[in-house]
PDB file of N, CA and C in Angstrom:
ATOM      1  N   MET A   1     -48.423  71.941 -34.179  1.00  0.00           N
ATOM      2  CA  MET A   1     -48.309  73.375 -34.004  1.00  0.00           C
ATOM      3  C   MET A   1     -46.835  73.752 -34.121  1.00  0.00           C
ATOM      4  N   ILE A   2     -46.580  74.784 -34.898  1.00  0.00           N
ATOM      5  CA  ILE A   2     -45.227  75.288 -35.115  1.00  0.00           C
ATOM      6  C   ILE A   2     -45.127  76.682 -34.494  1.00  0.00           C
ATOM      7  N   VAL A   3     -44.073  76.908 -33.731  1.00  0.00           N
ATOM      8  CA  VAL A   3     -43.782  78.240 -33.200  1.00  0.00           C
ATOM      9  C   VAL A   3     -42.473  78.705 -33.834  1.00  0.00           C
ATOM     10  N   ALA A   4     -42.559  79.786 -34.594  1.00  0.00           N
ATOM     11  CA  ALA A   4     -41.393  80.365 -35.258  1.00  0.00           C
ATOM     12  C   ALA A   4     -40.973  81.604 -34.490  1.00  0.00           C
ATOM     13  N   MET A   5     -39.686  81.655 -34.121  1.00  0.00           N
ATOM     14  CA  MET A   5     -39.187  82.752 -33.289  1.00  0.00           C
ATOM     15  C   MET A   5     -37.984  83.417 -33.946  1.00  0.00           C
ATOM     16  N   LEU A   6     -37.905  84.715 -33.765  1.00  0.00           N
ATOM     17  CA  LEU A   6     -36.812  85.505 -34.295  1.00  0.00           C
ATOM     18  C   LEU A   6     -36.301  86.413 -33.188  1.00  0.00           C
ATOM     19  N   GLN A   7     -34.994  86.491 -33.075  1.00  0.00           N
ATOM     20  CA  GLN A   7     -34.375  87.404 -32.124  1.00  0.00           C
ATOM     21  C   GLN A   7     -33.336  88.204 -32.898  1.00  0.00           C
ATOM     22  N   VAL A   8     -33.445  89.521 -32.857  1.00  0.00           N
ATOM     23  CA  VAL A   8     -32.512  90.374 -33.584  1.00  0.00           C
ATOM     24  C   VAL A   8     -31.911  91.417 -32.652  1.00  0.00           C
ATOM     25  N   ILE A   9     -30.717  91.824 -32.992  1.00  0.00           N
ATOM     26  CA  ILE A   9     -30.108  92.986 -32.354  1.00  0.00           C
ATOM     27  C   ILE A   9     -29.967  94.032 -33.441  1.00  0.00           C
ATOM     28  N   VAL A  10     -30.483  95.205 -33.168  1.00  0.00           N
ATOM     29  CA  VAL A  10     -30.381  96.309 -34.116  1.00  0.00           C
ATOM     30  C   VAL A  10     -29.540  97.423 -33.511  1.00  0.00           C
ATOM     31  N   LYS A  11     -28.788  98.058 -34.390  1.00  0.00           N
ATOM     32  CA  LYS A  11     -27.980  99.215 -33.987  1.00  0.00           C
ATOM     33  C   LYS A  11     -28.777 100.463 -34.327  1.00  0.00           C
ATOM     34  N   LEU A  12     -28.865 101.343 -33.343  1.00  0.00           N
ATOM     35  CA  LEU A  12     -29.616 102.577 -33.528  1.00  0.00           C
ATOM     36  C   LEU A  12     -28.699 103.692 -34.027  1.00  0.00           C
ATOM     37  N   PRO A  13     -29.282 104.750 -34.579  1.00  0.00           N
ATOM     38  CA  PRO A  13     -28.458 105.848 -35.085  1.00  0.00           C
ATOM     39  C   PRO A  13     -27.610 106.465 -33.974  1.00  0.00           C
ATOM     40  N   GLU A  14     -26.416 106.884 -34.337  1.00  0.00           N
ATOM     41  CA  GLU A  14     -25.559 107.563 -33.363  1.00  0.00           C
ATOM     42  C   GLU A  14     -26.164 108.922 -33.031  1.00  0.00           C
ATOM     43  N   GLY A  15     -25.869 109.389 -31.844  1.00  0.00           N
ATOM     44  CA  GLY A  15     -26.331 110.711 -31.456  1.00  0.00           C
ATOM     45  C   GLY A  15     -27.663 110.732 -30.736  1.00  0.00           C
ATOM     46  N   LEU A  16     -28.221 109.550 -30.411  1.00  0.00           N
ATOM     47  CA  LEU A  16     -29.448 109.552 -29.620  1.00  0.00           C
ATOM     48  C   LEU A  16     -29.140 110.156 -28.258  1.00  0.00           C
ATOM     49  N   GLY A  17     -29.960 111.080 -27.834  1.00  0.00           N
ATOM     50  CA  GLY A  17     -29.679 111.780 -26.589  1.00  0.00           C
ATOM     51  C   GLY A  17     -30.292 111.162 -25.356  1.00  0.00           C
ATOM     52  N   SER A  18     -31.278 110.290 -25.536  1.00  0.00           N
ATOM     53  CA  SER A  18     -31.956 109.755 -24.356  1.00  0.00           C
ATOM     54  C   SER A  18     -32.607 108.409 -24.664  1.00  0.00           C
ATOM     55  N   ILE A  19     -32.945 107.717 -23.592  1.00  0.00           N
ATOM     56  CA  ILE A  19     -33.688 106.461 -23.705  1.00  0.00           C
ATOM     57  C   ILE A  19     -35.065 106.733 -24.314  1.00  0.00           C
ATOM     58  N   LYS A  20     -35.624 107.896 -24.027  1.00  0.00           N
ATOM     59  CA  LYS A  20     -36.929 108.259 -24.567  1.00  0.00           C
ATOM     60  C   LYS A  20     -36.904 108.299 -26.103  1.00  0.00           C
ATOM     61  N   GLU A  21     -35.845 108.850 -26.677  1.00  0.00           N
ATOM     62  CA  GLU A  21     -35.693 108.862 -28.137  1.00  0.00           C
ATOM     63  C   GLU A  21     -35.579 107.439 -28.682  1.00  0.00           C
ATOM     64  N   LYS A  22     -34.791 106.617 -27.978  1.00  0.00           N
ATOM     65  CA  LYS A  22     -34.633 105.228 -28.381  1.00  0.00           C
ATOM     66  C   LYS A  22     -35.981 104.513 -28.364  1.00  0.00           C
ATOM     67  N   ARG A  23     -36.754 104.694 -27.306  1.00  0.00           N
ATOM     68  CA  ARG A  23     -38.063 104.039 -27.163  1.00  0.00           C
ATOM     69  C   ARG A  23     -38.997 104.427 -28.312  1.00  0.00           C
ATOM     70  N   ARG A  24     -38.942 105.693 -28.714  1.00  0.00           N
ATOM     71  CA  ARG A  24     -39.789 106.158 -29.809  1.00  0.00           C
ATOM     72  C   ARG A  24     -39.465 105.384 -31.092  1.00  0.00           C
ATOM     73  N   ILE A  25     -38.177 105.223 -31.393  1.00  0.00           N
ATOM     74  CA  ILE A  25     -37.752 104.493 -32.596  1.00  0.00           C
ATOM     75  C   ILE A  25     -38.124 103.023 -32.492  1.00  0.00           C
ATOM     76  N   ILE A  26     -37.822 102.398 -31.352  1.00  0.00           N
ATOM     77  CA  ILE A  26     -38.077 100.958 -31.178  1.00  0.00           C
ATOM     78  C   ILE A  26     -39.576 100.665 -31.155  1.00  0.00           C
ATOM     79  N   ASN A  27     -40.365 101.476 -30.472  1.00  0.00           N
ATOM     80  CA  ASN A  27     -41.813 101.243 -30.448  1.00  0.00           C
ATOM     81  C   ASN A  27     -42.419 101.343 -31.845  1.00  0.00           C
ATOM     82  N   SER A  28     -41.959 102.303 -32.619  1.00  0.00           N
ATOM     83  CA  SER A  28     -42.425 102.438 -33.992  1.00  0.00           C
ATOM     84  C   SER A  28     -42.039 101.204 -34.812  1.00  0.00           C
ATOM     85  N   LEU A  29     -40.811 100.753 -34.663  1.00  0.00           N
ATOM     86  CA  LEU A  29     -40.336  99.583 -35.390  1.00  0.00           C
ATOM     87  C   LEU A  29     -41.129  98.328 -35.012  1.00  0.00           C
ATOM     88  N   LYS A  30     -41.340  98.112 -33.723  1.00  0.00           N
ATOM     89  CA  LYS A  30     -42.116  96.943 -33.265  1.00  0.00           C
ATOM     90  C   LYS A  30     -43.537  96.978 -33.831  1.00  0.00           C
ATOM     91  N   GLN A  31     -44.149  98.143 -33.825  1.00  0.00           N
ATOM     92  CA  GLN A  31     -45.521  98.263 -34.320  1.00  0.00           C
ATOM     93  C   GLN A  31     -45.603  97.992 -35.819  1.00  0.00           C
ATOM     94  N   ARG A  32     -44.617  98.479 -36.574  1.00  0.00           N
ATOM     95  CA  ARG A  32     -44.607  98.211 -38.013  1.00  0.00           C
ATOM     96  C   ARG A  32     -44.398  96.729 -38.296  1.00  0.00           C
ATOM     97  N   ILE A  33     -43.548  96.059 -37.508  1.00  0.00           N
ATOM     98  CA  ILE A  33     -43.353  94.613 -37.667  1.00  0.00           C
ATOM     99  C   ILE A  33     -44.657  93.870 -37.373  1.00  0.00           C
ATOM    100  N   ARG A  34     -45.329  94.247 -36.287  1.00  0.00           N
ATOM    101  CA  ARG A  34     -46.602  93.606 -35.926  1.00  0.00           C
ATOM    102  C   ARG A  34     -47.644  93.776 -37.027  1.00  0.00           C
ATOM    103  N   ASN A  35     -47.778  95.004 -37.506  1.00  0.00           N
ATOM    104  CA  ASN A  35     -48.814  95.298 -38.497  1.00  0.00           C
ATOM    105  C   ASN A  35     -48.534  94.666 -39.854  1.00  0.00           C
ATOM    106  N   LYS A  36     -47.287  94.635 -40.252  1.00  0.00           N
ATOM    107  CA  LYS A  36     -46.929  94.135 -41.589  1.00  0.00           C
ATOM    108  C   LYS A  36     -46.903  92.615 -41.654  1.00  0.00           C
ATOM    109  N   PHE A  37     -46.456  91.946 -40.568  1.00  0.00           N
ATOM    110  CA  PHE A  37     -46.229  90.503 -40.605  1.00  0.00           C
ATOM    111  C   PHE A  37     -47.151  89.700 -39.685  1.00  0.00           C
ATOM    112  N   TYR A  38     -48.021  90.354 -38.925  1.00  0.00           N
ATOM    113  CA  TYR A  38     -48.969  89.679 -38.037  1.00  0.00           C
ATOM    114  C   TYR A  38     -48.263  88.749 -37.050  1.00  0.00           C
ATOM    115  N   VAL A  39     -47.249  89.276 -36.370  1.00  0.00           N
ATOM    116  CA  VAL A  39     -46.500  88.529 -35.365  1.00  0.00           C
ATOM    117  C   VAL A  39     -46.547  89.296 -34.046  1.00  0.00           C
ATOM    118  N   SER A  40     -46.182  88.627 -32.978  1.00  0.00           N
ATOM    119  CA  SER A  40     -45.971  89.296 -31.693  1.00  0.00           C
ATOM    120  C   SER A  40     -44.533  89.788 -31.673  1.00  0.00           C
ATOM    121  N   SER A  41     -44.310  90.970 -31.100  1.00  0.00           N
ATOM    122  CA  SER A  41     -42.943  91.472 -31.007  1.00  0.00           C
ATOM    123  C   SER A  41     -42.777  92.275 -29.731  1.00  0.00           C
ATOM    124  N   ALA A  42     -41.542  92.268 -29.217  1.00  0.00           N
ATOM    125  CA  ALA A  42     -41.241  92.981 -27.978  1.00  0.00           C
ATOM    126  C   ALA A  42     -39.749  93.277 -27.912  1.00  0.00           C
ATOM    127  N   GLU A  43     -39.400  94.325 -27.192  1.00  0.00           N
ATOM    128  CA  GLU A  43     -37.998  94.576 -26.876  1.00  0.00           C
ATOM    129  C   GLU A  43     -37.656  93.658 -25.715  1.00  0.00           C
ATOM    130  N   VAL A  44     -36.706  92.746 -25.913  1.00  0.00           N
ATOM    131  CA  VAL A  44     -36.457  91.701 -24.928  1.00  0.00           C
ATOM    132  C   VAL A  44     -35.165  91.879 -24.139  1.00  0.00           C
ATOM    133  N   ASP A  45     -34.268  92.748 -24.585  1.00  0.00           N
ATOM    134  CA  ASP A  45     -33.015  92.961 -23.864  1.00  0.00           C
ATOM    135  C   ASP A  45     -32.371  94.252 -24.364  1.00  0.00           C
ATOM    136  N   LEU A  46     -31.307  94.634 -23.721  1.00  0.00           N
ATOM    137  CA  LEU A  46     -30.569  95.862 -24.031  1.00  0.00           C
ATOM    138  C   LEU A  46     -31.463  97.093 -23.878  1.00  0.00           C
ATOM    139  N   ASN A  47     -32.384  97.023 -22.933  1.00  0.00           N
ATOM    140  CA  ASN A  47     -33.364  98.083 -22.733  1.00  0.00           C
ATOM    141  C   ASN A  47     -32.732  99.429 -22.380  1.00  0.00           C
ATOM    142  N   GLU A  48     -31.649  99.404 -21.648  1.00  0.00           N
ATOM    143  CA  GLU A  48     -31.039 100.661 -21.186  1.00  0.00           C
ATOM    144  C   GLU A  48     -29.861 101.101 -22.050  1.00  0.00           C
ATOM    145  N   ALA A  49     -29.500 100.313 -23.058  1.00  0.00           N
ATOM    146  CA  ALA A  49     -28.387 100.670 -23.941  1.00  0.00           C
ATOM    147  C   ALA A  49     -28.895 101.646 -25.001  1.00  0.00           C
ATOM    148  N   LEU A  50     -28.226 102.765 -25.164  1.00  0.00           N
ATOM    149  CA  LEU A  50     -28.663 103.749 -26.154  1.00  0.00           C
ATOM    150  C   LEU A  50     -28.367 103.320 -27.591  1.00  0.00           C
ATOM    151  N   GLY A  51     -27.286 102.588 -27.803  1.00  0.00           N
ATOM    152  CA  GLY A  51     -26.848 102.277 -29.155  1.00  0.00           C
ATOM    153  C   GLY A  51     -27.456 101.044 -29.777  1.00  0.00           C
ATOM    154  N   PHE A  52     -27.995 100.134 -28.962  1.00  0.00           N
ATOM    155  CA  PHE A  52     -28.499  98.855 -29.479  1.00  0.00           C
ATOM    156  C   PHE A  52     -29.823  98.496 -28.809  1.00  0.00           C
ATOM    157  N   SER A  53     -30.566  97.617 -29.483  1.00  0.00           N
ATOM    158  CA  SER A  53     -31.784  97.072 -28.903  1.00  0.00           C
ATOM    159  C   SER A  53     -31.930  95.623 -29.376  1.00  0.00           C
ATOM    160  N   GLN A  54     -32.454  94.784 -28.508  1.00  0.00           N
ATOM    161  CA  GLN A  54     -32.722  93.397 -28.862  1.00  0.00           C
ATOM    162  C   GLN A  54     -34.234  93.219 -28.928  1.00  0.00           C
ATOM    163  N   ILE A  55     -34.702  92.762 -30.078  1.00  0.00           N
ATOM    164  CA  ILE A  55     -36.135  92.615 -30.314  1.00  0.00           C
ATOM    165  C   ILE A  55     -36.435  91.151 -30.631  1.00  0.00           C
ATOM    166  N   GLY A  56     -37.507  90.649 -30.045  1.00  0.00           N
ATOM    167  CA  GLY A  56     -37.964  89.300 -30.329  1.00  0.00           C
ATOM    168  C   GLY A  56     -39.296  89.349 -31.052  1.00  0.00           C
ATOM    169  N   ALA A  57     -39.508  88.401 -31.959  1.00  0.00           N
ATOM    170  CA  ALA A  57     -40.784  88.279 -32.666  1.00  0.00           C
ATOM    171  C   ALA A  57     -41.125  86.795 -32.758  1.00  0.00           C
ATOM    172  N   ALA A  58     -42.423  86.495 -32.710  1.00  0.00           N
ATOM    173  CA  ALA A  58     -42.845  85.092 -32.767  1.00  0.00           C
ATOM    174  C   ALA A  58     -44.221  84.988 -33.415  1.00  0.00           C
ATOM    175  N   LEU A  59     -44.447  83.817 -34.039  1.00  0.00           N
ATOM    176  CA  LEU A  59     -45.761  83.522 -34.565  1.00  0.00           C
ATOM    177  C   LEU A  59     -46.035  82.034 -34.420  1.00  0.00           C
ATOM    178  N   VAL A  60     -47.304  81.713 -34.324  1.00  0.00           N
ATOM    179  CA  VAL A  60     -47.759  80.324 -34.259  1.00  0.00           C
ATOM    180  C   VAL A  60     -48.429  80.020 -35.590  1.00  0.00           C
ATOM    181  N   THR A  61     -48.073  78.891 -36.175  1.00  0.00           N
ATOM    182  CA  THR A  61     -48.604  78.516 -37.481  1.00  0.00           C
ATOM    183  C   THR A  61     -48.732  76.992 -37.549  1.00  0.00           C
ATOM    184  N   ASN A  62     -49.322  76.512 -38.614  1.00  0.00           N
ATOM    185  CA  ASN A  62     -49.404  75.058 -38.803  1.00  0.00           C
ATOM    186  C   ASN A  62     -48.415  74.579 -39.864  1.00  0.00           C
ATOM    187  N   SER A  63     -47.580  75.492 -40.376  1.00  0.00           N
ATOM    188  CA  SER A  63     -46.641  75.153 -41.441  1.00  0.00           C
ATOM    189  C   SER A  63     -45.247  75.685 -41.141  1.00  0.00           C
ATOM    190  N   ARG A  64     -44.285  74.791 -41.105  1.00  0.00           N
ATOM    191  CA  ARG A  64     -42.891  75.189 -40.880  1.00  0.00           C
ATOM    192  C   ARG A  64     -42.412  76.126 -41.989  1.00  0.00           C
ATOM    193  N   ILE A  65     -42.787  75.822 -43.232  1.00  0.00           N
ATOM    194  CA  ILE A  65     -42.380  76.632 -44.383  1.00  0.00           C
ATOM    195  C   ILE A  65     -42.933  78.049 -44.255  1.00  0.00           C
ATOM    196  N   HIS A  66     -44.189  78.175 -43.840  1.00  0.00           N
ATOM    197  CA  HIS A  66     -44.792  79.492 -43.647  1.00  0.00           C
ATOM    198  C   HIS A  66     -44.049  80.271 -42.562  1.00  0.00           C
ATOM    199  N   GLY A  67     -43.774  79.618 -41.434  1.00  0.00           N
ATOM    200  CA  GLY A  67     -43.068  80.272 -40.336  1.00  0.00           C
ATOM    201  C   GLY A  67     -41.688  80.759 -40.750  1.00  0.00           C
ATOM    202  N   GLU A  68     -40.930  79.903 -41.426  1.00  0.00           N
ATOM    203  CA  GLU A  68     -39.599  80.293 -41.895  1.00  0.00           C
ATOM    204  C   GLU A  68     -39.680  81.448 -42.883  1.00  0.00           C
ATOM    205  N   GLY A  69     -40.682  81.408 -43.752  1.00  0.00           N
ATOM    206  CA  GLY A  69     -40.852  82.466 -44.745  1.00  0.00           C
ATOM    207  C   GLY A  69     -41.137  83.815 -44.117  1.00  0.00           C
ATOM    208  N   VAL A  70     -42.010  83.829 -43.123  1.00  0.00           N
ATOM    209  CA  VAL A  70     -42.335  85.090 -42.438  1.00  0.00           C
ATOM    210  C   VAL A  70     -41.092  85.646 -41.743  1.00  0.00           C
ATOM    211  N   LEU A  71     -40.326  84.787 -41.062  1.00  0.00           N
ATOM    212  CA  LEU A  71     -39.125  85.258 -40.371  1.00  0.00           C
ATOM    213  C   LEU A  71     -38.107  85.835 -41.360  1.00  0.00           C
ATOM    214  N   LYS A  72     -37.954  85.185 -42.512  1.00  0.00           N
ATOM    215  CA  LYS A  72     -37.034  85.695 -43.540  1.00  0.00           C
ATOM    216  C   LYS A  72     -37.487  87.059 -44.047  1.00  0.00           C
ATOM    217  N   LYS A  73     -38.791  87.234 -44.204  1.00  0.00           N
ATOM    218  CA  LYS A  73     -39.314  88.526 -44.660  1.00  0.00           C
ATOM    219  C   LYS A  73     -39.078  89.619 -43.623  1.00  0.00           C
ATOM    220  N   ILE A  74     -39.194  89.278 -42.350  1.00  0.00           N
ATOM    221  CA  ILE A  74     -38.918  90.265 -41.295  1.00  0.00           C
ATOM    222  C   ILE A  74     -37.451  90.674 -41.335  1.00  0.00           C
ATOM    223  N   ILE A  75     -36.558  89.701 -41.504  1.00  0.00           N
ATOM    224  CA  ILE A  75     -35.126  90.006 -41.585  1.00  0.00           C
ATOM    225  C   ILE A  75     -34.846  90.922 -42.773  1.00  0.00           C
ATOM    226  N   LEU A  76     -35.438  90.625 -43.936  1.00  0.00           N
ATOM    227  CA  LEU A  76     -35.258  91.489 -45.110  1.00  0.00           C
ATOM    228  C   LEU A  76     -35.791  92.895 -44.849  1.00  0.00           C
ATOM    229  N   PHE A  77     -36.937  92.981 -44.199  1.00  0.00           N
ATOM    230  CA  PHE A  77     -37.512  94.275 -43.835  1.00  0.00           C
ATOM    231  C   PHE A  77     -36.543  95.068 -42.960  1.00  0.00           C
ATOM    232  N   LEU A  78     -35.952  94.410 -41.966  1.00  0.00           N
ATOM    233  CA  LEU A  78     -35.023  95.093 -41.068  1.00  0.00           C
ATOM    234  C   LEU A  78     -33.725  95.484 -41.781  1.00  0.00           C
ATOM    235  N   GLU A  79     -33.275  94.661 -42.725  1.00  0.00           N
ATOM    236  CA  GLU A  79     -32.067  95.001 -43.483  1.00  0.00           C
ATOM    237  C   GLU A  79     -32.266  96.258 -44.324  1.00  0.00           C
ATOM    238  N   ASN A  80     -33.501  96.493 -44.746  1.00  0.00           N
ATOM    239  CA  ASN A  80     -33.806  97.658 -45.574  1.00  0.00           C
ATOM    240  C   ASN A  80     -34.344  98.841 -44.782  1.00  0.00           C
ATOM    241  N   GLU A  81     -34.459  98.685 -43.477  1.00  0.00           N
ATOM    242  CA  GLU A  81     -34.998  99.729 -42.606  1.00  0.00           C
ATOM    243  C   GLU A  81     -33.959 100.832 -42.427  1.00  0.00           C
ATOM    244  N   SER A  82     -34.361 102.064 -42.665  1.00  0.00           N
ATOM    245  CA  SER A  82     -33.398 103.171 -42.597  1.00  0.00           C
ATOM    246  C   SER A  82     -33.159 103.682 -41.176  1.00  0.00           C
ATOM    247  N   SER A  83     -34.091 103.438 -40.252  1.00  0.00           N
ATOM    248  CA  SER A  83     -33.928 103.994 -38.906  1.00  0.00           C
ATOM    249  C   SER A  83     -33.007 103.160 -38.021  1.00  0.00           C
ATOM    250  N   VAL A  84     -32.723 101.910 -38.423  1.00  0.00           N
ATOM    251  CA  VAL A  84     -31.835 101.042 -37.646  1.00  0.00           C
ATOM    252  C   VAL A  84     -30.959 100.230 -38.601  1.00  0.00           C
ATOM    253  N   GLU A  85     -29.900  99.639 -38.039  1.00  0.00           N
ATOM    254  CA  GLU A  85     -29.028  98.738 -38.801  1.00  0.00           C
ATOM    255  C   GLU A  85     -29.114  97.362 -38.166  1.00  0.00           C
ATOM    256  N   LEU A  86     -29.425  96.342 -38.965  1.00  0.00           N
ATOM    257  CA  LEU A  86     -29.488  94.980 -38.444  1.00  0.00           C
ATOM    258  C   LEU A  86     -28.077  94.524 -38.094  1.00  0.00           C
ATOM    259  N   TYR A  87     -27.868  94.199 -36.829  1.00  0.00           N
ATOM    260  CA  TYR A  87     -26.544  93.818 -36.331  1.00  0.00           C
ATOM    261  C   TYR A  87     -26.409  92.297 -36.247  1.00  0.00           C
ATOM    262  N   GLU A  88     -27.479  91.636 -35.793  1.00  0.00           N
ATOM    263  CA  GLU A  88     -27.453  90.177 -35.619  1.00  0.00           C
ATOM    264  C   GLU A  88     -28.872  89.649 -35.676  1.00  0.00           C
ATOM    265  N   ALA A  89     -29.043  88.443 -36.247  1.00  0.00           N
ATOM    266  CA  ALA A  89     -30.365  87.808 -36.317  1.00  0.00           C
ATOM    267  C   ALA A  89     -30.230  86.321 -36.054  1.00  0.00           C
ATOM    268  N   GLU A  90     -31.161  85.791 -35.286  1.00  0.00           N
ATOM    269  CA  GLU A  90     -31.180  84.362 -34.970  1.00  0.00           C
ATOM    270  C   GLU A  90     -32.623  83.883 -35.031  1.00  0.00           C
ATOM    271  N   THR A  91     -32.840  82.764 -35.730  1.00  0.00           N
ATOM    272  CA  THR A  91     -34.184  82.201 -35.816  1.00  0.00           C
ATOM    273  C   THR A  91     -34.220  80.838 -35.156  1.00  0.00           C
ATOM    274  N   GLN A  92     -35.406  80.463 -34.721  1.00  0.00           N
ATOM    275  CA  GLN A  92     -35.609  79.150 -34.126  1.00  0.00           C
ATOM    276  C   GLN A  92     -37.041  78.712 -34.438  1.00  0.00           C
ATOM    277  N   ILE A  93     -37.190  77.470 -34.833  1.00  0.00           N
ATOM    278  CA  ILE A  93     -38.490  76.888 -35.115  1.00  0.00           C
ATOM    279  C   ILE A  93     -38.698  75.712 -34.174  1.00  0.00           C
ATOM    280  N   GLU A  94     -39.799  75.717 -33.444  1.00  0.00           N
ATOM    281  CA  GLU A  94     -40.130  74.617 -32.538  1.00  0.00           C
ATOM    282  C   GLU A  94     -41.440  73.990 -32.986  1.00  0.00           C
ATOM    283  N   GLU A  95     -41.489  72.665 -32.931  1.00  0.00           N
ATOM    284  CA  GLU A  95     -42.697  71.933 -33.294  1.00  0.00           C
ATOM    285  C   GLU A  95     -43.258  71.254 -32.050  1.00  0.00           C
ATOM    286  N   PHE A  96     -44.569  71.421 -31.827  1.00  0.00           N
ATOM    287  CA  PHE A  96     -45.223  70.826 -30.675  1.00  0.00           C
ATOM    288  C   PHE A  96     -46.351  69.926 -31.153  1.00  0.00           C
ATOM    289  N   GLY A  97     -46.557  68.836 -30.473  1.00  0.00           N
ATOM    290  CA  GLY A  97     -47.610  67.899 -30.843  1.00  0.00           C
ATOM    291  C   GLY A  97     -47.179  67.012 -31.972  1.00  0.00           C
ATOM    292  N   SER A  98     -48.135  66.282 -32.517  1.00  0.00           N
ATOM    293  CA  SER A  98     -47.783  65.356 -33.612  1.00  0.00           C
ATOM    294  C   SER A  98     -48.428  65.719 -34.913  1.00  0.00           C
TER     295      SER A  98
END
């Protein structure tokens, strides 16, 4: 079993007036990631920061190549996303069992 994980920090547009506005953007982004790539995703840190958000995504697969490919596609999606700017991305692949 392979678990592929992605952690990103995204920069939000300047001029956000409230956490509520931020949540609207981040919730929409998380839902689009879930629907497009069939992964779990959540805001994992920087919850109260207006300018940035940290989002985690993960999937379980039987192929390391598949897991890496999906994570790369998510990163490309975020790089082309107009509502946020990709600030930092980190991936990790863990293998369990034999």
